[in-house]
Amino acid sequence: MAESSIEPVLAARKDNFLYLKHNLNARAINSLRGELDSVDYDVNTPIRNMQSAINRSDQFDAELLGG
């Protein structure tokens, strides 16, 4: 008798647990996406600045060499 009455409770608890687990995973993934965007910006900005400086340096060298 006790086993048959506890089975629906365990099933509901398992469903709730899975819902919470997936919900927390989705939040964690969204948080990581935001962090990735921030890191991507932090890395790409200096790379763009460096490439711009290289291009200006190449242009200056070409002008000095009569190009």
PDB file of N, CA and C in Angstrom:
ATOM      1  N   MET A   1       0.814  -1.184   0.000  1.00  0.00           N
ATOM      2  CA  MET A   1       0.000   0.000   0.000  1.00  0.00           C
ATOM      3  C   MET A   1       0.867   1.261   0.000  1.00  0.00           C
ATOM      4  N   ALA A   2       1.887   1.295   0.857  1.00  0.00           N
ATOM      5  CA  ALA A   2       2.752   2.470   0.942  1.00  0.00           C
ATOM      6  C   ALA A   2       3.529   2.671  -0.346  1.00  0.00           C
ATOM      7  N   GLU A   3       3.983   1.578  -0.966  1.00  0.00           N
ATOM      8  CA  GLU A   3       4.739   1.697  -2.217  1.00  0.00           C
ATOM      9  C   GLU A   3       3.891   2.297  -3.323  1.00  0.00           C
ATOM     10  N   SER A   4       2.656   1.897  -3.425  1.00  0.00           N
ATOM     11  CA  SER A   4       1.806   2.407  -4.499  1.00  0.00           C
ATOM     12  C   SER A   4       1.474   3.883  -4.294  1.00  0.00           C
ATOM     13  N   SER A   5       1.449   4.360  -3.079  1.00  0.00           N
ATOM     14  CA  SER A   5       1.136   5.771  -2.844  1.00  0.00           C
ATOM     15  C   SER A   5       2.360   6.667  -3.000  1.00  0.00           C
ATOM     16  N   ILE A   6       3.534   6.109  -2.856  1.00  0.00           N
ATOM     17  CA  ILE A   6       4.739   6.926  -2.975  1.00  0.00           C
ATOM     18  C   ILE A   6       5.211   7.052  -4.438  1.00  0.00           C
ATOM     19  N   GLU A   7       4.823   6.122  -5.268  1.00  0.00           N
ATOM     20  CA  GLU A   7       5.273   6.133  -6.670  1.00  0.00           C
ATOM     21  C   GLU A   7       4.877   7.424  -7.403  1.00  0.00           C
ATOM     22  N   PRO A   8       3.653   7.903  -7.306  1.00  0.00           N
ATOM     23  CA  PRO A   8       3.306   9.171  -7.979  1.00  0.00           C
ATOM     24  C   PRO A   8       4.087  10.362  -7.422  1.00  0.00           C
ATOM     25  N   VAL A   9       4.370  10.339  -6.144  1.00  0.00           N
ATOM     26  CA  VAL A   9       5.139  11.428  -5.536  1.00  0.00           C
ATOM     27  C   VAL A   9       6.562  11.426  -6.083  1.00  0.00           C
ATOM     28  N   LEU A  10       7.155  10.254  -6.187  1.00  0.00           N
ATOM     29  CA  LEU A  10       8.517  10.154  -6.729  1.00  0.00           C
ATOM     30  C   LEU A  10       8.558  10.567  -8.190  1.00  0.00           C
ATOM     31  N   ALA A  11       7.537  10.182  -8.950  1.00  0.00           N
ATOM     32  CA  ALA A  11       7.484  10.563 -10.362  1.00  0.00           C
ATOM     33  C   ALA A  11       7.371  12.076 -10.505  1.00  0.00           C
ATOM     34  N   ALA A  12       6.535  12.701  -9.709  1.00  0.00           N
ATOM     35  CA  ALA A  12       6.388  14.164  -9.752  1.00  0.00           C
ATOM     36  C   ALA A  12       7.683  14.846  -9.333  1.00  0.00           C
ATOM     37  N   ARG A  13       8.330  14.308  -8.319  1.00  0.00           N
ATOM     38  CA  ARG A  13       9.598  14.887  -7.863  1.00  0.00           C
ATOM     39  C   ARG A  13      10.668  14.776  -8.951  1.00  0.00           C
ATOM     40  N   LYS A  14      10.702  13.637  -9.622  1.00  0.00           N
ATOM     41  CA  LYS A  14      11.657  13.448 -10.715  1.00  0.00           C
ATOM     42  C   LYS A  14      11.380  14.447 -11.838  1.00  0.00           C
ATOM     43  N   ASP A  15      10.116  14.650 -12.188  1.00  0.00           N
ATOM     44  CA  ASP A  15       9.762  15.617 -13.230  1.00  0.00           C
ATOM     45  C   ASP A  15      10.190  17.028 -12.837  1.00  0.00           C
ATOM     46  N   ASN A  16       9.916  17.393 -11.598  1.00  0.00           N
ATOM     47  CA  ASN A  16      10.318  18.720 -11.114  1.00  0.00           C
ATOM     48  C   ASN A  16      11.832  18.883 -11.132  1.00  0.00           C
ATOM     49  N   PHE A  17      12.525  17.854 -10.721  1.00  0.00           N
ATOM     50  CA  PHE A  17      13.987  17.894 -10.709  1.00  0.00           C
ATOM     51  C   PHE A  17      14.530  18.082 -12.127  1.00  0.00           C
ATOM     52  N   LEU A  18      14.000  17.337 -13.084  1.00  0.00           N
ATOM     53  CA  LEU A  18      14.454  17.467 -14.467  1.00  0.00           C
ATOM     54  C   LEU A  18      14.162  18.858 -15.020  1.00  0.00           C
ATOM     55  N   TYR A  19      12.986  19.399 -14.689  1.00  0.00           N
ATOM     56  CA  TYR A  19      12.640  20.745 -15.133  1.00  0.00           C
ATOM     57  C   TYR A  19      13.645  21.752 -14.594  1.00  0.00           C
ATOM     58  N   LEU A  20      13.922  21.685 -13.299  1.00  0.00           N
ATOM     59  CA  LEU A  20      14.875  22.613 -12.696  1.00  0.00           C
ATOM     60  C   LEU A  20      16.273  22.449 -13.283  1.00  0.00           C
ATOM     61  N   LYS A  21      16.668  21.215 -13.505  1.00  0.00           N
ATOM     62  CA  LYS A  21      17.995  20.943 -14.069  1.00  0.00           C
ATOM     63  C   LYS A  21      18.132  21.573 -15.452  1.00  0.00           C
ATOM     64  N   HIS A  22      17.135  21.382 -16.302  1.00  0.00           N
ATOM     65  CA  HIS A  22      17.196  21.948 -17.651  1.00  0.00           C
ATOM     66  C   HIS A  22      17.111  23.466 -17.619  1.00  0.00           C
ATOM     67  N   ASN A  23      16.301  23.988 -16.717  1.00  0.00           N
ATOM     68  CA  ASN A  23      16.172  25.436 -16.596  1.00  0.00           C
ATOM     69  C   ASN A  23      17.492  26.057 -16.151  1.00  0.00           C
ATOM     70  N   LEU A  24      18.146  25.452 -15.182  1.00  0.00           N
ATOM     71  CA  LEU A  24      19.437  25.960 -14.718  1.00  0.00           C
ATOM     72  C   LEU A  24      20.503  25.825 -15.791  1.00  0.00           C
ATOM     73  N   ASN A  25      20.478  24.722 -16.538  1.00  0.00           N
ATOM     74  CA  ASN A  25      21.439  24.553 -17.624  1.00  0.00           C
ATOM     75  C   ASN A  25      21.252  25.630 -18.685  1.00  0.00           C
ATOM     76  N   ALA A  26      20.008  25.941 -19.019  1.00  0.00           N
ATOM     77  CA  ALA A  26      19.739  26.981 -20.021  1.00  0.00           C
ATOM     78  C   ALA A  26      20.250  28.330 -19.528  1.00  0.00           C
ATOM     79  N   ARG A  27      20.039  28.619 -18.251  1.00  0.00           N
ATOM     80  CA  ARG A  27      20.538  29.886 -17.701  1.00  0.00           C
ATOM     81  C   ARG A  27      22.065  29.934 -17.736  1.00  0.00           C
ATOM     82  N   ALA A  28      22.690  28.831 -17.400  1.00  0.00           N
ATOM     83  CA  ALA A  28      24.159  28.785 -17.412  1.00  0.00           C
ATOM     84  C   ALA A  28      24.693  28.990 -18.821  1.00  0.00           C
ATOM     85  N   ILE A  29      24.064  28.361 -19.798  1.00  0.00           N
ATOM     86  CA  ILE A  29      24.499  28.508 -21.189  1.00  0.00           C
ATOM     87  C   ILE A  29      24.335  29.948 -21.643  1.00  0.00           C
ATOM     88  N   ASN A  30      23.202  30.572 -21.323  1.00  0.00           N
ATOM     89  CA  ASN A  30      22.995  31.966 -21.699  1.00  0.00           C
ATOM     90  C   ASN A  30      24.021  32.875 -21.040  1.00  0.00           C
ATOM     91  N   SER A  31      24.365  32.582 -19.809  1.00  0.00           N
ATOM     92  CA  SER A  31      25.373  33.359 -19.113  1.00  0.00           C
ATOM     93  C   SER A  31      26.727  33.215 -19.807  1.00  0.00           C
ATOM     94  N   LEU A  32      27.057  32.008 -20.205  1.00  0.00           N
ATOM     95  CA  LEU A  32      28.331  31.777 -20.892  1.00  0.00           C
ATOM     96  C   LEU A  32      28.362  32.449 -22.250  1.00  0.00           C
ATOM     97  N   ARG A  33      27.217  32.504 -22.936  1.00  0.00           N
ATOM     98  CA  ARG A  33      27.175  33.194 -24.227  1.00  0.00           C
ATOM     99  C   ARG A  33      27.514  34.662 -24.060  1.00  0.00           C
ATOM    100  N   GLY A  34      26.962  35.282 -23.032  1.00  0.00           N
ATOM    101  CA  GLY A  34      27.282  36.683 -22.758  1.00  0.00           C
ATOM    102  C   GLY A  34      28.749  36.869 -22.441  1.00  0.00           C
ATOM    103  N   GLU A  35      29.293  35.951 -21.681  1.00  0.00           N
ATOM    104  CA  GLU A  35      30.715  36.011 -21.334  1.00  0.00           C
ATOM    105  C   GLU A  35      31.579  35.830 -22.580  1.00  0.00           C
ATOM    106  N   LEU A  36      31.176  34.931 -23.463  1.00  0.00           N
ATOM    107  CA  LEU A  36      31.922  34.712 -24.705  1.00  0.00           C
ATOM    108  C   LEU A  36      31.921  35.964 -25.569  1.00  0.00           C
ATOM    109  N   ASP A  37      30.783  36.644 -25.659  1.00  0.00           N
ATOM    110  CA  ASP A  37      30.718  37.891 -26.419  1.00  0.00           C
ATOM    111  C   ASP A  37      31.673  38.922 -25.856  1.00  0.00           C
ATOM    112  N   SER A  38      31.745  39.008 -24.538  1.00  0.00           N
ATOM    113  CA  SER A  38      32.633  39.962 -23.889  1.00  0.00           C
ATOM    114  C   SER A  38      34.098  39.624 -24.159  1.00  0.00           C
ATOM    115  N   VAL A  39      34.454  38.358 -24.028  1.00  0.00           N
ATOM    116  CA  VAL A  39      35.834  37.928 -24.288  1.00  0.00           C
ATOM    117  C   VAL A  39      36.183  38.142 -25.755  1.00  0.00           C
ATOM    118  N   ASP A  40      35.252  37.821 -26.632  1.00  0.00           N
ATOM    119  CA  ASP A  40      35.472  38.001 -28.069  1.00  0.00           C
ATOM    120  C   ASP A  40      35.757  39.470 -28.377  1.00  0.00           C
ATOM    121  N   TYR A  41      34.983  40.371 -27.791  1.00  0.00           N
ATOM    122  CA  TYR A  41      35.206  41.803 -27.999  1.00  0.00           C
ATOM    123  C   TYR A  41      36.558  42.216 -27.428  1.00  0.00           C
ATOM    124  N   ASP A  42      36.875  41.744 -26.220  1.00  0.00           N
ATOM    125  CA  ASP A  42      38.134  42.106 -25.562  1.00  0.00           C
ATOM    126  C   ASP A  42      39.348  41.631 -26.358  1.00  0.00           C
ATOM    127  N   VAL A  43      39.214  40.523 -27.073  1.00  0.00           N
ATOM    128  CA  VAL A  43      40.324  39.991 -27.857  1.00  0.00           C
ATOM    129  C   VAL A  43      40.387  40.654 -29.237  1.00  0.00           C
ATOM    130  N   ASN A  44      39.238  40.808 -29.875  1.00  0.00           N
ATOM    131  CA  ASN A  44      39.233  41.321 -31.243  1.00  0.00           C
ATOM    132  C   ASN A  44      39.547  42.805 -31.346  1.00  0.00           C
ATOM    133  N   THR A  45      39.225  43.588 -30.336  1.00  0.00           N
ATOM    134  CA  THR A  45      39.514  45.024 -30.387  1.00  0.00           C
ATOM    135  C   THR A  45      41.018  45.289 -30.488  1.00  0.00           C
ATOM    136  N   PRO A  46      41.853  44.707 -29.632  1.00  0.00           N
ATOM    137  CA  PRO A  46      43.295  44.935 -29.798  1.00  0.00           C
ATOM    138  C   PRO A  46      43.838  44.367 -31.119  1.00  0.00           C
ATOM    139  N   ILE A  47      43.276  43.269 -31.579  1.00  0.00           N
ATOM    140  CA  ILE A  47      43.734  42.701 -32.857  1.00  0.00           C
ATOM    141  C   ILE A  47      43.431  43.677 -33.997  1.00  0.00           C
ATOM    142  N   ARG A  48      42.230  44.256 -33.996  1.00  0.00           N
ATOM    143  CA  ARG A  48      41.886  45.241 -35.041  1.00  0.00           C
ATOM    144  C   ARG A  48      42.800  46.459 -34.950  1.00  0.00           C
ATOM    145  N   ASN A  49      43.062  46.916 -33.729  1.00  0.00           N
ATOM    146  CA  ASN A  49      43.947  48.076 -33.549  1.00  0.00           C
ATOM    147  C   ASN A  49      45.360  47.769 -34.027  1.00  0.00           C
ATOM    148  N   MET A  50      45.836  46.573 -33.728  1.00  0.00           N
ATOM    149  CA  MET A  50      47.166  46.178 -34.157  1.00  0.00           C
ATOM    150  C   MET A  50      47.237  46.081 -35.683  1.00  0.00           C
ATOM    151  N   GLN A  51      46.208  45.512 -36.302  1.00  0.00           N
ATOM    152  CA  GLN A  51      46.200  45.398 -37.757  1.00  0.00           C
ATOM    153  C   GLN A  51      46.165  46.778 -38.405  1.00  0.00           C
ATOM    154  N   SER A  52      45.427  47.694 -37.811  1.00  0.00           N
ATOM    155  CA  SER A  52      45.384  49.061 -38.322  1.00  0.00           C
ATOM    156  C   SER A  52      46.764  49.710 -38.250  1.00  0.00           C
ATOM    157  N   ALA A  53      47.468  49.510 -37.136  1.00  0.00           N
ATOM    158  CA  ALA A  53      48.820  50.063 -36.982  1.00  0.00           C
ATOM    159  C   ALA A  53      49.779  49.438 -37.995  1.00  0.00           C
ATOM    160  N   ILE A  54      49.656  48.148 -38.224  1.00  0.00           N
ATOM    161  CA  ILE A  54      50.500  47.467 -39.220  1.00  0.00           C
ATOM    162  C   ILE A  54      50.233  48.031 -40.605  1.00  0.00           C
ATOM    163  N   ASN A  55      48.966  48.239 -40.935  1.00  0.00           N
ATOM    164  CA  ASN A  55      48.622  48.793 -42.247  1.00  0.00           C
ATOM    165  C   ASN A  55      49.188  50.195 -42.423  1.00  0.00           C
ATOM    166  N   ARG A  56      49.097  51.027 -41.381  1.00  0.00           N
ATOM    167  CA  ARG A  56      49.658  52.380 -41.467  1.00  0.00           C
ATOM    168  C   ARG A  56      51.179  52.332 -41.598  1.00  0.00           C
ATOM    169  N   SER A  57      51.798  51.406 -40.878  1.00  0.00           N
ATOM    170  CA  SER A  57      53.252  51.255 -40.967  1.00  0.00           C
ATOM    171  C   SER A  57      53.662  50.813 -42.368  1.00  0.00           C
ATOM    172  N   ASP A  58      52.933  49.859 -42.935  1.00  0.00           N
ATOM    173  CA  ASP A  58      53.232  49.410 -44.300  1.00  0.00           C
ATOM    174  C   ASP A  58      53.064  50.544 -45.287  1.00  0.00           C
ATOM    175  N   GLN A  59      52.033  51.358 -45.090  1.00  0.00           N
ATOM    176  CA  GLN A  59      51.806  52.489 -45.996  1.00  0.00           C
ATOM    177  C   GLN A  59      52.943  53.510 -45.871  1.00  0.00           C
ATOM    178  N   PHE A  60      53.375  53.758 -44.648  1.00  0.00           N
ATOM    179  CA  PHE A  60      54.478  54.690 -44.420  1.00  0.00           C
ATOM    180  C   PHE A  60      55.758  54.168 -45.073  1.00  0.00           C
ATOM    181  N   ASP A  61      56.040  52.870 -44.917  1.00  0.00           N
ATOM    182  CA  ASP A  61      57.220  52.275 -45.530  1.00  0.00           C
ATOM    183  C   ASP A  61      57.158  52.386 -47.054  1.00  0.00           C
ATOM    184  N   ALA A  62      56.011  52.158 -47.617  1.00  0.00           N
ATOM    185  CA  ALA A  62      55.849  52.236 -49.069  1.00  0.00           C
ATOM    186  C   ALA A  62      56.081  53.660 -49.548  1.00  0.00           C
ATOM    187  N   GLU A  63      55.629  54.648 -48.796  1.00  0.00           N
ATOM    188  CA  GLU A  63      55.847  56.040 -49.173  1.00  0.00           C
ATOM    189  C   GLU A  63      57.323  56.408 -49.085  1.00  0.00           C
ATOM    190  N   LEU A  64      58.021  55.885 -48.071  1.00  0.00           N
ATOM    191  CA  LEU A  64      59.452  56.164 -47.930  1.00  0.00           C
ATOM    192  C   LEU A  64      60.247  55.546 -49.075  1.00  0.00           C
ATOM    193  N   LEU A  65      59.809  54.393 -49.532  1.00  0.00           N
ATOM    194  CA  LEU A  65      60.529  53.696 -50.593  1.00  0.00           C
ATOM    195  C   LEU A  65      60.096  54.157 -51.980  1.00  0.00           C
ATOM    196  N   GLY A  66      59.233  55.173 -52.022  1.00  0.00           N
ATOM    197  CA  GLY A  66      58.834  55.736 -53.293  1.00  0.00           C
ATOM    198  C   GLY A  66      57.710  54.969 -53.959  1.00  0.00           C
ATOM    199  N   GLY A  67      56.935  54.232 -53.182  1.00  0.00           N
ATOM    200  CA  GLY A  67      55.858  53.424 -53.742  1.00  0.00           C
ATOM    201  C   GLY A  67      54.637  54.197 -53.819  1.00  0.00           C
TER     202      GLY A  67
END
